[in-house]
């Protein structure tokens, strides 16, 4: 799934599939977390653009409150593909 997302222009650093539920958890960050990234809501929209049958289940941002402007440094998107809903 990570290769598919990256090839489609969605720069996920890591994607895992939960064995129990089949849900995908995509993580977005810059190594060393030095630079800000877009919030999880924007990554979720990008996932929906390349996977129209994806259902976004959850999003989470890690915000660097100690930095000027409180940038997002880590974002997570949990999603499920529609064929998983039927199973």
C-alpha atoms as a PDB file:
ATOM      1  CA  UNK A   1       0.000   0.000   0.000  1.00  0.00           C
ATOM      2  CA  UNK A   2       2.831   2.412   0.796  1.00  0.00           C
ATOM      3  CA  UNK A   3       4.377   1.888  -2.641  1.00  0.00           C
ATOM      4  CA  UNK A   4       1.009   2.521  -4.279  1.00  0.00           C
ATOM      5  CA  UNK A   5       0.426   5.720  -2.315  1.00  0.00           C
ATOM      6  CA  UNK A   6       3.939   7.060  -2.952  1.00  0.00           C
ATOM      7  CA  UNK A   7       3.712   6.209  -6.670  1.00  0.00           C
ATOM      8  CA  UNK A   8       0.425   8.137  -6.731  1.00  0.00           C
ATOM      9  CA  UNK A   9       2.000  11.207  -5.125  1.00  0.00           C
ATOM     10  CA  UNK A  10       1.029  10.632  -1.482  1.00  0.00           C
ATOM     11  CA  UNK A  11       4.347  10.700   0.400  1.00  0.00           C
ATOM     12  CA  UNK A  12       3.669   8.322   3.294  1.00  0.00           C
ATOM     13  CA  UNK A  13       6.744   7.432   5.326  1.00  0.00           C
ATOM     14  CA  UNK A  14       5.141   4.271   6.711  1.00  0.00           C
ATOM     15  CA  UNK A  15       1.937   2.306   6.125  1.00  0.00           C
ATOM     16  CA  UNK A  16       0.891  -0.742   8.129  1.00  0.00           C
ATOM     17  CA  UNK A  17      -2.226  -2.884   7.911  1.00  0.00           C
ATOM     18  CA  UNK A  18      -3.764  -3.926  11.203  1.00  0.00           C
ATOM     19  CA  UNK A  19      -4.189  -7.695  11.204  1.00  0.00           C
ATOM     20  CA  UNK A  20      -7.271  -7.626  13.469  1.00  0.00           C
ATOM     21  CA  UNK A  21      -9.303  -5.091  11.489  1.00  0.00           C
ATOM     22  CA  UNK A  22      -7.621  -4.809   8.088  1.00  0.00           C
ATOM     23  CA  UNK A  23      -7.433  -1.023   8.576  1.00  0.00           C
ATOM     24  CA  UNK A  24      -4.442   0.822   7.177  1.00  0.00           C
ATOM     25  CA  UNK A  25      -2.463   3.275   9.305  1.00  0.00           C
ATOM     26  CA  UNK A  26      -0.440   5.766   7.247  1.00  0.00           C
ATOM     27  CA  UNK A  27       2.186   7.915   8.937  1.00  0.00           C
ATOM     28  CA  UNK A  28       3.586  11.132   7.481  1.00  0.00           C
ATOM     29  CA  UNK A  29       6.681  12.926   8.751  1.00  0.00           C
ATOM     30  CA  UNK A  30      10.026  14.350   7.712  1.00  0.00           C
ATOM     31  CA  UNK A  31      12.936  12.293   9.095  1.00  0.00           C
ATOM     32  CA  UNK A  32      14.304  13.940  12.237  1.00  0.00           C
ATOM     33  CA  UNK A  33      11.005  15.903  12.320  1.00  0.00           C
ATOM     34  CA  UNK A  34      12.905  19.111  11.573  1.00  0.00           C
ATOM     35  CA  UNK A  35      10.426  20.515   9.065  1.00  0.00           C
ATOM     36  CA  UNK A  36       6.676  21.029   9.315  1.00  0.00           C
ATOM     37  CA  UNK A  37       4.296  18.937   7.223  1.00  0.00           C
ATOM     38  CA  UNK A  38       0.656  19.347   6.161  1.00  0.00           C
ATOM     39  CA  UNK A  39      -1.955  18.271   8.725  1.00  0.00           C
ATOM     40  CA  UNK A  40      -3.533  14.813   8.661  1.00  0.00           C
ATOM     41  CA  UNK A  41      -6.745  16.213   7.153  1.00  0.00           C
ATOM     42  CA  UNK A  42      -4.812  17.195   4.012  1.00  0.00           C
ATOM     43  CA  UNK A  43      -3.158  13.773   3.783  1.00  0.00           C
ATOM     44  CA  UNK A  44      -6.601  12.181   4.170  1.00  0.00           C
ATOM     45  CA  UNK A  45      -7.882  14.192   1.199  1.00  0.00           C
ATOM     46  CA  UNK A  46      -4.901  13.052  -0.856  1.00  0.00           C
ATOM     47  CA  UNK A  47      -5.560   9.411   0.082  1.00  0.00           C
ATOM     48  CA  UNK A  48      -9.200   9.798  -0.972  1.00  0.00           C
ATOM     49  CA  UNK A  49      -8.037  11.328  -4.273  1.00  0.00           C
ATOM     50  CA  UNK A  50      -5.920   8.266  -5.159  1.00  0.00           C
ATOM     51  CA  UNK A  51      -8.151   5.697  -3.425  1.00  0.00           C
ATOM     52  CA  UNK A  52     -11.729   6.886  -4.000  1.00  0.00           C
ATOM     53  CA  UNK A  53     -13.125   3.810  -2.239  1.00  0.00           C
ATOM     54  CA  UNK A  54     -11.160   4.548   0.954  1.00  0.00           C
ATOM     55  CA  UNK A  55     -13.102   5.434   4.073  1.00  0.00           C
ATOM     56  CA  UNK A  56     -11.175   7.684   6.461  1.00  0.00           C
ATOM     57  CA  UNK A  57     -11.639   6.371  10.004  1.00  0.00           C
ATOM     58  CA  UNK A  58      -9.379   8.683  11.995  1.00  0.00           C
ATOM     59  CA  UNK A  59      -6.760  11.408  11.689  1.00  0.00           C
ATOM     60  CA  UNK A  60      -4.239  12.655  14.214  1.00  0.00           C
ATOM     61  CA  UNK A  61      -1.637  15.433  14.204  1.00  0.00           C
ATOM     62  CA  UNK A  62       1.386  15.740  16.458  1.00  0.00           C
ATOM     63  CA  UNK A  63       2.006  19.440  16.935  1.00  0.00           C
ATOM     64  CA  UNK A  64       5.325  20.919  18.054  1.00  0.00           C
ATOM     65  CA  UNK A  65       3.840  23.348  20.593  1.00  0.00           C
ATOM     66  CA  UNK A  66       7.330  24.408  21.654  1.00  0.00           C
ATOM     67  CA  UNK A  67       8.173  25.734  18.168  1.00  0.00           C
ATOM     68  CA  UNK A  68       7.208  29.055  16.678  1.00  0.00           C
ATOM     69  CA  UNK A  69       3.903  28.703  14.863  1.00  0.00           C
ATOM     70  CA  UNK A  70       3.233  25.300  16.475  1.00  0.00           C
ATOM     71  CA  UNK A  71       3.768  23.294  13.266  1.00  0.00           C
ATOM     72  CA  UNK A  72       2.547  19.763  12.594  1.00  0.00           C
ATOM     73  CA  UNK A  73       5.562  17.444  12.656  1.00  0.00           C
ATOM     74  CA  UNK A  74       3.812  14.044  12.459  1.00  0.00           C
ATOM     75  CA  UNK A  75       0.450  13.114  10.974  1.00  0.00           C
ATOM     76  CA  UNK A  76      -1.450   9.828  10.998  1.00  0.00           C
ATOM     77  CA  UNK A  77      -4.396   8.754   8.864  1.00  0.00           C
ATOM     78  CA  UNK A  78      -6.343   5.541   9.522  1.00  0.00           C
ATOM     79  CA  UNK A  79      -8.399   4.289   6.597  1.00  0.00           C
ATOM     80  CA  UNK A  80     -10.221   1.256   5.280  1.00  0.00           C
ATOM     81  CA  UNK A  81     -10.889   0.228   1.710  1.00  0.00           C
ATOM     82  CA  UNK A  82     -14.557  -0.306   0.839  1.00  0.00           C
ATOM     83  CA  UNK A  83     -14.099  -3.988  -0.058  1.00  0.00           C
ATOM     84  CA  UNK A  84     -13.001  -4.467   3.562  1.00  0.00           C
ATOM     85  CA  UNK A  85     -16.382  -3.096   4.685  1.00  0.00           C
ATOM     86  CA  UNK A  86     -18.154  -5.870   2.816  1.00  0.00           C
ATOM     87  CA  UNK A  87     -16.025  -8.583   4.452  1.00  0.00           C
END
